[in-house]
Amino acid sequence: MKAWRFSTDEFPQAERQSAWREAMGRLGLPIGDIPDRGAPFSGRVSFAASPMGIEFALVESGPQAIQGRYPKQDAAVWLTVLIDGAATLESDALRVAMTPGTMIYGPTGAPATLRFTETFRALCVKAPHVALNPRLLSPMAFRLGAMTGALPAERILFKLLRAAADDIDTMTTELLRPVELAVTEFLIACFAAENGPIAIGRLGGVRAMHLHRLCQTIETLLNDPALTPERVAAEQGVSPRYMQKLFSAAGETFSQYVKSRRLERCRAELASPAHANASISDICFRWGFNGSAHFSRAFREAYGVSPRDYRRASVSQA
């Protein structure tokens, strides 16, 4: 499991703010203003990344602003949960006064300013597209938003993330695995409940959620090379014909979807230091491919490069 800790207490006072900016840069969070309070600056970060690549960072510090763009980020969905303190999210189209329990979200790269107005404690979560299936998020609709705990799904998500924040320093891979699955499930549930950015092709509402549940079932069964439409449909209590209609309306077939998700899982592991010792064959078999030659052809067709070259390039860029 990838994890690290940071504290400004390890630095002389004169170097603390620059060290803090560097640490926050590792999270893709560019720091703007840091008001001078006449007291020694202090900040702490506890970071852990799940097996699926979801990043959890507990940030504790004093008044400051997170603003501007951080260009080195991959496309992902971020979520910030205010646990203690007060803050304001500001953008061209949105202004949210945050109190403990407020959660804000958006796509990486969206211009906004998050201004903490007092000592705060916040959990910052970033989910790559391989973890949050991009087919469930309409790129045109997905924008900055806020959840205030008005809906049951939002309250449950907050409690889950609050517990993860409290125990982040003792998290293990075994604990993070169920947390990441629950977080992705509740994020989609929250988006759907508030008529947010969930959309699949021409689907919306109930049919979009039906397909979402089918997709989540597929995620849990990707490692089965004999996975069939009939098995997935049976798991969700629908007919294979209805399921195929949902996929067709979303612009693809069951087999195309399964293949693309397996390739995405393999691509994530090929780029992950946590799987550096696993062979390419081990990775492709783990995600349901029947043979390494077939996998290599499919990978090259999808990404324009062989699995071996992709892994080598990922290592050199790390």
C-alpha atoms as a PDB file:
ATOM      1  CA  MET A   1       0.000   0.000   0.000  1.00  0.00           C
ATOM      2  CA  LYS A   2       1.306   3.460  -0.913  1.00  0.00           C
ATOM      3  CA  ALA A   3       1.296   5.684   2.181  1.00  0.00           C
ATOM      4  CA  TRP A   4       3.194   8.645   3.585  1.00  0.00           C
ATOM      5  CA  ARG A   5       3.043  11.150   6.419  1.00  0.00           C
ATOM      6  CA  PHE A   6       4.121  14.776   6.593  1.00  0.00           C
ATOM      7  CA  SER A   7       4.367  17.353   9.380  1.00  0.00           C
ATOM      8  CA  THR A   8       5.737  20.878   9.332  1.00  0.00           C
ATOM      9  CA  ASP A   9       7.017  20.229  12.856  1.00  0.00           C
ATOM     10  CA  GLU A  10      10.017  18.561  11.244  1.00  0.00           C
ATOM     11  CA  PHE A  11      11.129  21.867   9.669  1.00  0.00           C
ATOM     12  CA  PRO A  12      12.486  25.166  10.999  1.00  0.00           C
ATOM     13  CA  GLN A  13       9.812  27.864  11.159  1.00  0.00           C
ATOM     14  CA  ALA A  14      11.306  29.769   8.221  1.00  0.00           C
ATOM     15  CA  GLU A  15      10.979  26.708   5.954  1.00  0.00           C
ATOM     16  CA  ARG A  16       7.566  25.449   7.005  1.00  0.00           C
ATOM     17  CA  GLN A  17       5.384  27.223   4.477  1.00  0.00           C
ATOM     18  CA  SER A  18       7.531  26.220   1.495  1.00  0.00           C
ATOM     19  CA  ALA A  19       7.663  22.630   2.757  1.00  0.00           C
ATOM     20  CA  TRP A  20       3.883  22.715   3.167  1.00  0.00           C
ATOM     21  CA  ARG A  21       3.362  23.943  -0.376  1.00  0.00           C
ATOM     22  CA  GLU A  22       5.542  21.117  -1.652  1.00  0.00           C
ATOM     23  CA  ALA A  23       3.649  18.509   0.376  1.00  0.00           C
ATOM     24  CA  MET A  24       0.294  19.788  -0.842  1.00  0.00           C
ATOM     25  CA  GLY A  25       1.662  19.772  -4.383  1.00  0.00           C
ATOM     26  CA  ARG A  26       2.162  16.022  -4.015  1.00  0.00           C
ATOM     27  CA  LEU A  27      -1.613  15.849  -3.559  1.00  0.00           C
ATOM     28  CA  GLY A  28      -2.255  18.059  -6.585  1.00  0.00           C
ATOM     29  CA  LEU A  29      -3.442  20.884  -4.303  1.00  0.00           C
ATOM     30  CA  PRO A  30      -1.792  24.221  -5.164  1.00  0.00           C
ATOM     31  CA  ILE A  31      -1.646  26.545  -2.160  1.00  0.00           C
ATOM     32  CA  GLY A  32      -2.431  30.218  -2.631  1.00  0.00           C
ATOM     33  CA  ASP A  33      -2.732  32.640   0.263  1.00  0.00           C
ATOM     34  CA  ILE A  34      -1.586  31.665   3.763  1.00  0.00           C
ATOM     35  CA  PRO A  35      -2.606  34.485   6.141  1.00  0.00           C
ATOM     36  CA  ASP A  36      -0.061  35.559   8.723  1.00  0.00           C
ATOM     37  CA  ARG A  37      -1.621  34.832  12.097  1.00  0.00           C
ATOM     38  CA  GLY A  38       1.436  35.814  14.110  1.00  0.00           C
ATOM     39  CA  ALA A  39       1.814  32.225  15.309  1.00  0.00           C
ATOM     40  CA  PRO A  40       4.092  29.413  14.068  1.00  0.00           C
ATOM     41  CA  PHE A  41       2.655  27.788  10.942  1.00  0.00           C
ATOM     42  CA  SER A  42       1.639  24.160  11.375  1.00  0.00           C
ATOM     43  CA  GLY A  43       0.288  21.514   9.034  1.00  0.00           C
ATOM     44  CA  ARG A  44      -0.011  17.744   8.856  1.00  0.00           C
ATOM     45  CA  VAL A  45      -0.896  15.271   6.107  1.00  0.00           C
ATOM     46  CA  SER A  46      -1.618  11.548   6.337  1.00  0.00           C
ATOM     47  CA  PHE A  47      -1.863   9.869   2.925  1.00  0.00           C
ATOM     48  CA  ALA A  48      -2.887   6.387   1.797  1.00  0.00           C
ATOM     49  CA  ALA A  49      -3.758   5.000  -1.640  1.00  0.00           C
ATOM     50  CA  SER A  50      -6.085   2.026  -2.081  1.00  0.00           C
ATOM     51  CA  PRO A  51      -5.336  -0.971  -4.335  1.00  0.00           C
ATOM     52  CA  MET A  52      -7.632   0.551  -6.984  1.00  0.00           C
ATOM     53  CA  GLY A  53      -5.691   3.822  -6.875  1.00  0.00           C
ATOM     54  CA  ILE A  54      -8.133   5.922  -4.848  1.00  0.00           C
ATOM     55  CA  GLU A  55      -6.150   8.460  -2.820  1.00  0.00           C
ATOM     56  CA  PHE A  56      -7.136   9.443   0.722  1.00  0.00           C
ATOM     57  CA  ALA A  57      -5.370  12.384   2.367  1.00  0.00           C
ATOM     58  CA  LEU A  58      -6.216  13.763   5.799  1.00  0.00           C
ATOM     59  CA  VAL A  59      -5.110  17.406   5.853  1.00  0.00           C
ATOM     60  CA  GLU A  60      -4.888  19.446   9.078  1.00  0.00           C
ATOM     61  CA  SER A  61      -3.697  23.052   9.171  1.00  0.00           C
ATOM     62  CA  GLY A  62      -4.648  26.699   9.635  1.00  0.00           C
ATOM     63  CA  PRO A  63      -6.334  29.299   7.381  1.00  0.00           C
ATOM     64  CA  GLN A  64      -5.217  29.174   3.749  1.00  0.00           C
ATOM     65  CA  ALA A  65      -6.508  28.953   0.199  1.00  0.00           C
ATOM     66  CA  ILE A  66      -6.230  26.133  -2.319  1.00  0.00           C
ATOM     67  CA  GLN A  67      -6.493  27.767  -5.713  1.00  0.00           C
ATOM     68  CA  GLY A  68      -5.245  27.548  -9.264  1.00  0.00           C
ATOM     69  CA  ARG A  69      -4.634  24.598 -11.544  1.00  0.00           C
ATOM     70  CA  TYR A  70      -2.213  21.770 -10.940  1.00  0.00           C
ATOM     71  CA  PRO A  71      -1.201  20.632 -14.459  1.00  0.00           C
ATOM     72  CA  LYS A  72       0.331  17.260 -13.619  1.00  0.00           C
ATOM     73  CA  GLN A  73      -2.902  15.561 -12.589  1.00  0.00           C
ATOM     74  CA  ASP A  74      -4.589  12.750 -14.481  1.00  0.00           C
ATOM     75  CA  ALA A  75      -8.316  12.974 -15.146  1.00  0.00           C
ATOM     76  CA  ALA A  76     -10.093  12.000 -11.957  1.00  0.00           C
ATOM     77  CA  VAL A  77     -12.941  12.863  -9.615  1.00  0.00           C
ATOM     78  CA  TRP A  78     -12.097  14.614  -6.348  1.00  0.00           C
ATOM     79  CA  LEU A  79     -14.090  14.907  -3.153  1.00  0.00           C
ATOM     80  CA  THR A  80     -13.238  17.048  -0.122  1.00  0.00           C
ATOM     81  CA  VAL A  81     -14.946  16.368   3.196  1.00  0.00           C
ATOM     82  CA  LEU A  82     -14.789  19.077   5.855  1.00  0.00           C
ATOM     83  CA  ILE A  83     -14.502  17.374   9.238  1.00  0.00           C
ATOM     84  CA  ASP A  84     -13.651  20.347  11.462  1.00  0.00           C
ATOM     85  CA  GLY A  85     -13.436  24.087  10.813  1.00  0.00           C
ATOM     86  CA  ALA A  86     -15.027  26.323   8.197  1.00  0.00           C
ATOM     87  CA  ALA A  87     -14.352  26.950   4.513  1.00  0.00           C
ATOM     88  CA  THR A  88     -15.789  28.470   1.365  1.00  0.00           C
ATOM     89  CA  LEU A  89     -15.740  27.009  -2.140  1.00  0.00           C
ATOM     90  CA  GLU A  90     -15.758  29.674  -4.829  1.00  0.00           C
ATOM     91  CA  SER A  91     -16.012  29.340  -8.605  1.00  0.00           C
ATOM     92  CA  ASP A  92     -17.598  31.257 -11.458  1.00  0.00           C
ATOM     93  CA  ALA A  93     -20.863  29.344 -11.101  1.00  0.00           C
ATOM     94  CA  LEU A  94     -20.893  28.204  -7.480  1.00  0.00           C
ATOM     95  CA  ARG A  95     -20.308  29.472  -3.959  1.00  0.00           C
ATOM     96  CA  VAL A  96     -20.635  27.098  -1.022  1.00  0.00           C
ATOM     97  CA  ALA A  97     -20.166  27.979   2.645  1.00  0.00           C
ATOM     98  CA  MET A  98     -18.821  24.787   4.199  1.00  0.00           C
ATOM     99  CA  THR A  99     -19.417  23.596   7.743  1.00  0.00           C
ATOM    100  CA  PRO A 100     -18.424  20.220   9.247  1.00  0.00           C
ATOM    101  CA  GLY A 101     -20.197  17.518   7.249  1.00  0.00           C
ATOM    102  CA  THR A 102     -20.221  19.408   3.953  1.00  0.00           C
ATOM    103  CA  MET A 103     -18.700  17.533   1.015  1.00  0.00           C
ATOM    104  CA  ILE A 104     -17.680  19.175  -2.245  1.00  0.00           C
ATOM    105  CA  TYR A 105     -16.699  17.428  -5.464  1.00  0.00           C
ATOM    106  CA  GLY A 106     -15.622  18.030  -9.022  1.00  0.00           C
ATOM    107  CA  PRO A 107     -13.349  16.968 -11.875  1.00  0.00           C
ATOM    108  CA  THR A 108      -9.623  17.581 -11.657  1.00  0.00           C
ATOM    109  CA  GLY A 109      -8.664  20.702 -13.548  1.00  0.00           C
ATOM    110  CA  ALA A 110     -11.857  22.621 -12.800  1.00  0.00           C
ATOM    111  CA  PRO A 111     -11.016  26.227 -11.798  1.00  0.00           C
ATOM    112  CA  ALA A 112     -12.067  26.995  -8.216  1.00  0.00           C
ATOM    113  CA  THR A 113     -10.807  28.325  -4.895  1.00  0.00           C
ATOM    114  CA  LEU A 114     -11.260  26.486  -1.614  1.00  0.00           C
ATOM    115  CA  ARG A 115     -10.655  28.985   1.188  1.00  0.00           C
ATOM    116  CA  PHE A 116     -10.251  27.655   4.742  1.00  0.00           C
ATOM    117  CA  THR A 117     -11.083  30.489   7.124  1.00  0.00           C
ATOM    118  CA  GLU A 118      -9.949  28.864  10.374  1.00  0.00           C
ATOM    119  CA  THR A 119      -8.014  25.881  11.661  1.00  0.00           C
ATOM    120  CA  PHE A 120      -9.425  22.889   9.825  1.00  0.00           C
ATOM    121  CA  ARG A 121      -9.379  19.148   9.366  1.00  0.00           C
ATOM    122  CA  ALA A 122     -10.449  17.796   5.971  1.00  0.00           C
ATOM    123  CA  LEU A 123     -10.269  14.518   4.088  1.00  0.00           C
ATOM    124  CA  CYS A 124      -9.351  14.879   0.424  1.00  0.00           C
ATOM    125  CA  VAL A 125     -10.259  11.939  -1.804  1.00  0.00           C
ATOM    126  CA  LYS A 126      -9.274  11.514  -5.457  1.00  0.00           C
ATOM    127  CA  ALA A 127     -10.634   8.655  -7.548  1.00  0.00           C
ATOM    128  CA  PRO A 128      -9.093   7.900 -10.967  1.00  0.00           C
ATOM    129  CA  HIS A 129     -11.360   6.929 -13.834  1.00  0.00           C
ATOM    130  CA  VAL A 130     -10.351   3.296 -13.526  1.00  0.00           C
ATOM    131  CA  ALA A 131     -11.962   3.310 -10.069  1.00  0.00           C
ATOM    132  CA  LEU A 132     -14.986   5.472 -10.874  1.00  0.00           C
ATOM    133  CA  ASN A 133     -16.196   4.127 -14.171  1.00  0.00           C
ATOM    134  CA  PRO A 134     -16.286   7.124 -16.559  1.00  0.00           C
ATOM    135  CA  ARG A 135     -19.264   5.613 -18.359  1.00  0.00           C
ATOM    136  CA  LEU A 136     -21.327   6.509 -15.315  1.00  0.00           C
ATOM    137  CA  LEU A 137     -20.337  10.165 -15.384  1.00  0.00           C
ATOM    138  CA  SER A 138     -21.534  12.390 -18.174  1.00  0.00           C
ATOM    139  CA  PRO A 139     -18.528  14.612 -19.014  1.00  0.00           C
ATOM    140  CA  MET A 140     -20.792  17.439 -20.121  1.00  0.00           C
ATOM    141  CA  ALA A 141     -22.802  17.331 -16.893  1.00  0.00           C
ATOM    142  CA  PHE A 142     -20.039  16.684 -14.396  1.00  0.00           C
ATOM    143  CA  ARG A 143     -19.022  19.888 -12.673  1.00  0.00           C
ATOM    144  CA  LEU A 144     -18.328  21.302  -9.237  1.00  0.00           C
ATOM    145  CA  GLY A 145     -20.981  20.445  -6.691  1.00  0.00           C
ATOM    146  CA  ALA A 146     -21.718  20.119  -2.994  1.00  0.00           C
ATOM    147  CA  MET A 147     -23.422  17.667  -0.679  1.00  0.00           C
ATOM    148  CA  THR A 148     -24.704  18.998   2.631  1.00  0.00           C
ATOM    149  CA  GLY A 149     -25.977  15.796   4.222  1.00  0.00           C
ATOM    150  CA  ALA A 150     -29.612  16.423   3.335  1.00  0.00           C
ATOM    151  CA  LEU A 151     -29.953  12.951   1.779  1.00  0.00           C
ATOM    152  CA  PRO A 152     -29.468   9.573   3.516  1.00  0.00           C
ATOM    153  CA  ALA A 153     -26.780   8.448   1.055  1.00  0.00           C
ATOM    154  CA  GLU A 154     -24.805  11.639   1.740  1.00  0.00           C
ATOM    155  CA  ARG A 155     -24.966  11.156   5.494  1.00  0.00           C
ATOM    156  CA  ILE A 156     -23.796   7.552   5.219  1.00  0.00           C
ATOM    157  CA  LEU A 157     -20.945   8.557   2.896  1.00  0.00           C
ATOM    158  CA  PHE A 158     -19.832  11.262   5.329  1.00  0.00           C
ATOM    159  CA  LYS A 159     -19.814   8.830   8.263  1.00  0.00           C
ATOM    160  CA  LEU A 160     -17.812   6.329   6.217  1.00  0.00           C
ATOM    161  CA  LEU A 161     -15.221   8.927   5.219  1.00  0.00           C
ATOM    162  CA  ARG A 162     -15.081  10.386   8.732  1.00  0.00           C
ATOM    163  CA  ALA A 163     -14.255   6.923  10.082  1.00  0.00           C
ATOM    164  CA  ALA A 164     -11.608   6.456   7.370  1.00  0.00           C
ATOM    165  CA  ALA A 165     -10.057   9.797   8.326  1.00  0.00           C
ATOM    166  CA  ASP A 166      -9.957   8.883  12.007  1.00  0.00           C
ATOM    167  CA  ASP A 167      -8.122   5.629  11.264  1.00  0.00           C
ATOM    168  CA  ILE A 168      -6.049   6.603   8.228  1.00  0.00           C
ATOM    169  CA  ASP A 169      -2.745   6.186  10.077  1.00  0.00           C
ATOM    170  CA  THR A 170      -3.525   2.532  10.823  1.00  0.00           C
ATOM    171  CA  MET A 171      -5.131   1.633   7.489  1.00  0.00           C
ATOM    172  CA  THR A 172      -3.925  -1.509   5.753  1.00  0.00           C
ATOM    173  CA  THR A 173      -4.529  -2.786   2.241  1.00  0.00           C
ATOM    174  CA  GLU A 174      -7.057  -5.250   3.634  1.00  0.00           C
ATOM    175  CA  LEU A 175      -9.027  -2.416   5.241  1.00  0.00           C
ATOM    176  CA  LEU A 176      -8.777  -0.032   2.306  1.00  0.00           C
ATOM    177  CA  ARG A 177     -10.131  -2.538  -0.203  1.00  0.00           C
ATOM    178  CA  PRO A 178     -13.705  -2.594   1.185  1.00  0.00           C
ATOM    179  CA  VAL A 179     -13.512   1.153   1.866  1.00  0.00           C
ATOM    180  CA  GLU A 180     -12.728   1.951  -1.774  1.00  0.00           C
ATOM    181  CA  LEU A 181     -15.604  -0.204  -3.014  1.00  0.00           C
ATOM    182  CA  ALA A 182     -18.031   1.425  -0.593  1.00  0.00           C
ATOM    183  CA  VAL A 183     -16.850   4.932  -1.475  1.00  0.00           C
ATOM    184  CA  THR A 184     -17.356   4.400  -5.220  1.00  0.00           C
ATOM    185  CA  GLU A 185     -20.803   2.909  -4.622  1.00  0.00           C
ATOM    186  CA  PHE A 186     -21.959   5.753  -2.399  1.00  0.00           C
ATOM    187  CA  LEU A 187     -20.518   8.455  -4.656  1.00  0.00           C
ATOM    188  CA  ILE A 188     -22.594   7.207  -7.580  1.00  0.00           C
ATOM    189  CA  ALA A 189     -25.630   6.800  -5.310  1.00  0.00           C
ATOM    190  CA  CYS A 190     -25.245  10.398  -4.081  1.00  0.00           C
ATOM    191  CA  PHE A 191     -24.842  11.775  -7.596  1.00  0.00           C
ATOM    192  CA  ALA A 192     -27.944   9.927  -8.747  1.00  0.00           C
ATOM    193  CA  ALA A 193     -30.025  10.924  -5.724  1.00  0.00           C
ATOM    194  CA  GLU A 194     -29.503  14.608  -6.370  1.00  0.00           C
ATOM    195  CA  ASN A 195     -29.983  14.224 -10.142  1.00  0.00           C
ATOM    196  CA  GLY A 196     -26.318  14.939 -10.533  1.00  0.00           C
ATOM    197  CA  PRO A 197     -23.808  13.940 -13.192  1.00  0.00           C
ATOM    198  CA  ILE A 198     -24.758  10.278 -13.509  1.00  0.00           C
ATOM    199  CA  ALA A 199     -25.673   9.412 -17.076  1.00  0.00           C
ATOM    200  CA  ILE A 200     -24.860   6.560 -19.423  1.00  0.00           C
ATOM    201  CA  GLY A 201     -25.234   7.189 -23.125  1.00  0.00           C
ATOM    202  CA  ARG A 202     -28.850   8.088 -23.691  1.00  0.00           C
ATOM    203  CA  LEU A 203     -29.871   6.579 -20.369  1.00  0.00           C
ATOM    204  CA  GLY A 204     -30.879   8.481 -17.287  1.00  0.00           C
ATOM    205  CA  GLY A 205     -32.730   8.004 -14.046  1.00  0.00           C
ATOM    206  CA  VAL A 206     -33.862   4.482 -13.203  1.00  0.00           C
ATOM    207  CA  ARG A 207     -32.395   2.800 -16.298  1.00  0.00           C
ATOM    208  CA  ALA A 208     -29.026   4.452 -15.674  1.00  0.00           C
ATOM    209  CA  MET A 209     -29.032   3.118 -12.117  1.00  0.00           C
ATOM    210  CA  HIS A 210     -30.019  -0.369 -13.360  1.00  0.00           C
ATOM    211  CA  LEU A 211     -27.038  -0.366 -15.690  1.00  0.00           C
ATOM    212  CA  HIS A 212     -24.826   0.990 -12.918  1.00  0.00           C
ATOM    213  CA  ARG A 213     -25.736  -1.941 -10.689  1.00  0.00           C
ATOM    214  CA  LEU A 214     -25.061  -4.367 -13.532  1.00  0.00           C
ATOM    215  CA  CYS A 215     -21.683  -2.702 -14.120  1.00  0.00           C
ATOM    216  CA  GLN A 216     -20.811  -2.972 -10.445  1.00  0.00           C
ATOM    217  CA  THR A 217     -21.703  -6.662 -10.491  1.00  0.00           C
ATOM    218  CA  ILE A 218     -19.392  -7.092 -13.474  1.00  0.00           C
ATOM    219  CA  GLU A 219     -16.604  -5.359 -11.528  1.00  0.00           C
ATOM    220  CA  THR A 220     -16.781  -8.031  -8.832  1.00  0.00           C
ATOM    221  CA  LEU A 221     -16.673 -10.836 -11.427  1.00  0.00           C
ATOM    222  CA  LEU A 222     -14.051  -9.540 -13.891  1.00  0.00           C
ATOM    223  CA  ASN A 223     -11.503 -12.156 -12.841  1.00  0.00           C
ATOM    224  CA  ASP A 224     -13.768 -14.971 -14.062  1.00  0.00           C
ATOM    225  CA  PRO A 225     -12.718 -15.795 -17.657  1.00  0.00           C
ATOM    226  CA  ALA A 226     -16.030 -17.608 -18.184  1.00  0.00           C
ATOM    227  CA  LEU A 227     -18.175 -14.609 -17.221  1.00  0.00           C
ATOM    228  CA  THR A 228     -21.448 -14.593 -19.184  1.00  0.00           C
ATOM    229  CA  PRO A 229     -24.318 -12.126 -19.640  1.00  0.00           C
ATOM    230  CA  GLU A 230     -26.659 -14.709 -18.157  1.00  0.00           C
ATOM    231  CA  ARG A 231     -24.726 -14.870 -14.901  1.00  0.00           C
ATOM    232  CA  VAL A 232     -24.606 -11.094 -14.463  1.00  0.00           C
ATOM    233  CA  ALA A 233     -28.296 -10.689 -15.313  1.00  0.00           C
ATOM    234  CA  ALA A 234     -29.204 -13.422 -12.828  1.00  0.00           C
ATOM    235  CA  GLU A 235     -27.171 -11.708 -10.092  1.00  0.00           C
ATOM    236  CA  GLN A 236     -29.328  -8.596 -10.513  1.00  0.00           C
ATOM    237  CA  GLY A 237     -32.628 -10.360 -11.151  1.00  0.00           C
ATOM    238  CA  VAL A 238     -33.163  -9.070 -14.696  1.00  0.00           C
ATOM    239  CA  SER A 239     -33.364 -10.811 -18.049  1.00  0.00           C
ATOM    240  CA  PRO A 240     -30.288 -11.023 -20.315  1.00  0.00           C
ATOM    241  CA  ARG A 241     -32.379  -9.367 -23.031  1.00  0.00           C
ATOM    242  CA  TYR A 242     -33.154  -6.348 -20.847  1.00  0.00           C
ATOM    243  CA  MET A 243     -29.500  -6.076 -19.850  1.00  0.00           C
ATOM    244  CA  GLN A 244     -28.367  -6.138 -23.463  1.00  0.00           C
ATOM    245  CA  LYS A 245     -30.882  -3.396 -24.289  1.00  0.00           C
ATOM    246  CA  LEU A 246     -29.373  -1.223 -21.555  1.00  0.00           C
ATOM    247  CA  PHE A 247     -25.858  -1.723 -22.903  1.00  0.00           C
ATOM    248  CA  SER A 248     -27.079  -1.066 -26.444  1.00  0.00           C
ATOM    249  CA  ALA A 249     -28.678   2.203 -25.352  1.00  0.00           C
ATOM    250  CA  ALA A 250     -25.344   3.154 -23.764  1.00  0.00           C
ATOM    251  CA  GLY A 251     -23.629   2.575 -27.107  1.00  0.00           C
ATOM    252  CA  GLU A 252     -21.855  -0.712 -26.503  1.00  0.00           C
ATOM    253  CA  THR A 253     -22.292  -4.437 -25.888  1.00  0.00           C
ATOM    254  CA  PHE A 254     -21.788  -6.566 -22.809  1.00  0.00           C
ATOM    255  CA  SER A 255     -18.637  -8.150 -24.236  1.00  0.00           C
ATOM    256  CA  GLN A 256     -17.160  -4.781 -25.234  1.00  0.00           C
ATOM    257  CA  TYR A 257     -17.761  -3.425 -21.772  1.00  0.00           C
ATOM    258  CA  VAL A 258     -16.202  -6.422 -20.013  1.00  0.00           C
ATOM    259  CA  LYS A 259     -13.166  -6.316 -22.288  1.00  0.00           C
ATOM    260  CA  SER A 260     -12.626  -2.586 -21.769  1.00  0.00           C
ATOM    261  CA  ARG A 261     -12.890  -2.866 -17.990  1.00  0.00           C
ATOM    262  CA  ARG A 262     -10.451  -5.770 -17.900  1.00  0.00           C
ATOM    263  CA  LEU A 263      -8.013  -3.775 -20.006  1.00  0.00           C
ATOM    264  CA  GLU A 264      -8.363  -0.764 -17.722  1.00  0.00           C
ATOM    265  CA  ARG A 265      -7.690  -2.903 -14.657  1.00  0.00           C
ATOM    266  CA  CYS A 266      -4.632  -4.405 -16.287  1.00  0.00           C
ATOM    267  CA  ARG A 267      -3.383  -0.999 -17.393  1.00  0.00           C
ATOM    268  CA  ALA A 268      -3.712   0.346 -13.843  1.00  0.00           C
ATOM    269  CA  GLU A 269      -1.689  -2.537 -12.418  1.00  0.00           C
ATOM    270  CA  LEU A 270       0.994  -2.280 -15.112  1.00  0.00           C
ATOM    271  CA  ALA A 271       1.544   1.340 -14.050  1.00  0.00           C
ATOM    272  CA  SER A 272       1.344   0.679 -10.315  1.00  0.00           C
ATOM    273  CA  PRO A 273       4.523   0.271  -8.223  1.00  0.00           C
ATOM    274  CA  ALA A 274       2.511  -2.038  -5.981  1.00  0.00           C
ATOM    275  CA  HIS A 275       2.433  -4.617  -8.814  1.00  0.00           C
ATOM    276  CA  ALA A 276       5.957  -4.079 -10.117  1.00  0.00           C
ATOM    277  CA  ASN A 277       6.947  -7.660  -9.247  1.00  0.00           C
ATOM    278  CA  ALA A 278       3.950  -9.257 -10.963  1.00  0.00           C
ATOM    279  CA  SER A 279       4.516 -10.579 -14.470  1.00  0.00           C
ATOM    280  CA  ILE A 280       2.386  -9.313 -17.337  1.00  0.00           C
ATOM    281  CA  SER A 281       0.911 -12.799 -17.650  1.00  0.00           C
ATOM    282  CA  ASP A 282      -0.034 -12.834 -13.967  1.00  0.00           C
ATOM    283  CA  ILE A 283      -1.816  -9.516 -14.366  1.00  0.00           C
ATOM    284  CA  CYS A 284      -3.775 -10.431 -17.485  1.00  0.00           C
ATOM    285  CA  PHE A 285      -4.875 -13.803 -16.054  1.00  0.00           C
ATOM    286  CA  ARG A 286      -5.892 -12.145 -12.782  1.00  0.00           C
ATOM    287  CA  TRP A 287      -8.356  -9.973 -14.698  1.00  0.00           C
ATOM    288  CA  GLY A 288      -9.979 -12.708 -16.731  1.00  0.00           C
ATOM    289  CA  PHE A 289      -7.996 -12.886 -19.986  1.00  0.00           C
ATOM    290  CA  ASN A 290      -7.506 -16.419 -21.288  1.00  0.00           C
ATOM    291  CA  GLY A 291      -4.065 -15.910 -22.786  1.00  0.00           C
ATOM    292  CA  SER A 292      -1.201 -13.431 -22.764  1.00  0.00           C
ATOM    293  CA  ALA A 293      -0.999 -13.239 -26.570  1.00  0.00           C
ATOM    294  CA  HIS A 294      -4.687 -12.325 -26.860  1.00  0.00           C
ATOM    295  CA  PHE A 295      -4.248  -9.788 -24.065  1.00  0.00           C
ATOM    296  CA  SER A 296      -1.245  -8.152 -25.736  1.00  0.00           C
ATOM    297  CA  ARG A 297      -3.135  -7.746 -29.011  1.00  0.00           C
ATOM    298  CA  ALA A 298      -6.173  -6.287 -27.268  1.00  0.00           C
ATOM    299  CA  PHE A 299      -4.006  -3.938 -25.202  1.00  0.00           C
ATOM    300  CA  ARG A 300      -2.161  -2.634 -28.259  1.00  0.00           C
ATOM    301  CA  GLU A 301      -5.434  -2.115 -30.136  1.00  0.00           C
ATOM    302  CA  ALA A 302      -6.872  -0.141 -27.215  1.00  0.00           C
ATOM    303  CA  TYR A 303      -3.855   1.966 -26.226  1.00  0.00           C
ATOM    304  CA  GLY A 304      -1.516   1.900 -29.209  1.00  0.00           C
ATOM    305  CA  VAL A 305       1.367   0.364 -27.283  1.00  0.00           C
ATOM    306  CA  SER A 306       2.318  -3.092 -26.010  1.00  0.00           C
ATOM    307  CA  PRO A 307       1.817  -3.940 -22.311  1.00  0.00           C
ATOM    308  CA  ARG A 308       5.577  -4.264 -21.854  1.00  0.00           C
ATOM    309  CA  ASP A 309       6.311  -0.855 -23.401  1.00  0.00           C
ATOM    310  CA  TYR A 310       3.488   0.740 -21.432  1.00  0.00           C
ATOM    311  CA  ARG A 311       4.887  -0.596 -18.154  1.00  0.00           C
ATOM    312  CA  ARG A 312       8.404   0.538 -19.060  1.00  0.00           C
ATOM    313  CA  ALA A 313       7.175   4.049 -19.893  1.00  0.00           C
ATOM    314  CA  SER A 314       5.143   4.242 -16.684  1.00  0.00           C
ATOM    315  CA  VAL A 315       8.187   3.288 -14.590  1.00  0.00           C
ATOM    316  CA  SER A 316      10.398   5.870 -16.294  1.00  0.00           C
ATOM    317  CA  GLN A 317       7.850   8.639 -15.617  1.00  0.00           C
ATOM    318  CA  ALA A 318       7.363   7.743 -11.953  1.00  0.00           C
END
